Amino acid sequence: ATAWNVTGYKTYADYLAGWNNNREFREKNPKFAKERDERSSEIDYSGFEQEKKFMRLLVKQW
């Protein structure tokens, strides 16, 4: 399966706030966080770097 995830922030402060909110969510929902980590470990990321670079190019052009 192929999945794309694009996240954007207007400022670096918005990025930090998003990271902090995600951390708080993980602390409040440990079962969900554990399941997400387990499922993430099953994903083959061998082609991730190439797609990441390609996506950066698309975002810059957009």
Protein backbone atom coordinates (compact mmCIF):
# COMPACT_ATOMS: atom_id res chain seq x y z
CA ALA A 1 0.00 0.00 0.00
CA THR A 2 1.09 3.54 -0.64
CA ALA A 3 0.37 6.34 1.77
CA TRP A 4 1.27 10.01 1.72
CA ASN A 5 1.39 12.33 4.67
CA VAL A 6 2.02 16.02 4.11
CA THR A 7 2.16 18.33 7.08
CA GLY A 8 2.83 22.04 6.91
CA TYR A 9 3.30 24.79 9.47
CA LYS A 10 3.23 28.53 8.94
CA THR A 11 5.97 29.17 11.47
CA TYR A 12 8.55 27.27 13.46
CA ALA A 13 6.56 28.10 16.60
CA ASP A 14 3.54 26.34 15.07
CA TYR A 15 5.74 23.31 14.36
CA LEU A 16 6.95 23.21 17.97
CA ALA A 17 3.38 23.56 19.27
CA GLY A 18 2.28 20.66 17.05
CA TRP A 19 5.16 18.51 18.29
CA ASN A 20 4.29 19.33 21.90
CA ASN A 21 0.60 18.51 21.35
CA ASN A 22 1.56 15.16 19.81
CA ARG A 23 3.77 14.37 22.79
CA GLU A 24 0.97 15.20 25.22
CA PHE A 25 -1.47 13.04 23.23
CA ARG A 26 0.93 10.08 23.42
CA GLU A 27 1.25 10.50 27.18
CA LYS A 28 -2.54 10.61 27.67
CA ASN A 29 -3.24 7.67 25.30
CA PRO A 30 -0.52 5.06 25.90
CA LYS A 31 -2.49 2.15 24.37
CA PHE A 32 -2.99 4.05 21.12
CA ALA A 33 0.66 5.15 21.07
CA LYS A 34 1.85 1.58 21.62
CA GLU A 35 -0.34 0.21 18.83
CA ARG A 36 0.77 2.99 16.47
CA ASP A 37 4.42 2.23 17.23
CA GLU A 38 3.87 -1.50 16.64
CA ARG A 39 2.16 -0.88 13.30
CA SER A 40 4.83 1.62 12.29
CA SER A 41 7.54 -0.95 12.96
CA GLU A 42 5.91 -3.25 10.36
CA ILE A 43 6.26 -0.68 7.57
CA ASP A 44 9.14 -1.03 5.11
CA TYR A 45 10.80 2.37 4.94
CA SER A 46 13.54 1.31 2.51
CA GLY A 47 12.24 3.69 -0.21
CA PHE A 48 11.29 6.49 2.14
CA GLU A 49 14.27 8.78 1.52
CA GLN A 50 13.78 8.92 -2.24
CA GLU A 51 10.08 9.65 -1.93
CA LYS A 52 10.76 12.26 0.74
CA LYS A 53 13.11 14.16 -1.58
CA PHE A 54 10.59 13.90 -4.41
CA MET A 55 7.82 15.21 -2.18
CA ARG A 56 9.96 18.18 -1.12
CA LEU A 57 10.38 19.06 -4.78
CA LEU A 58 6.63 18.88 -5.38
CA VAL A 59 5.91 21.10 -2.38
CA LYS A 60 8.49 23.66 -3.51
CA GLN A 61 6.95 23.78 -6.98
CA TRP A 62 3.45 24.07 -5.55
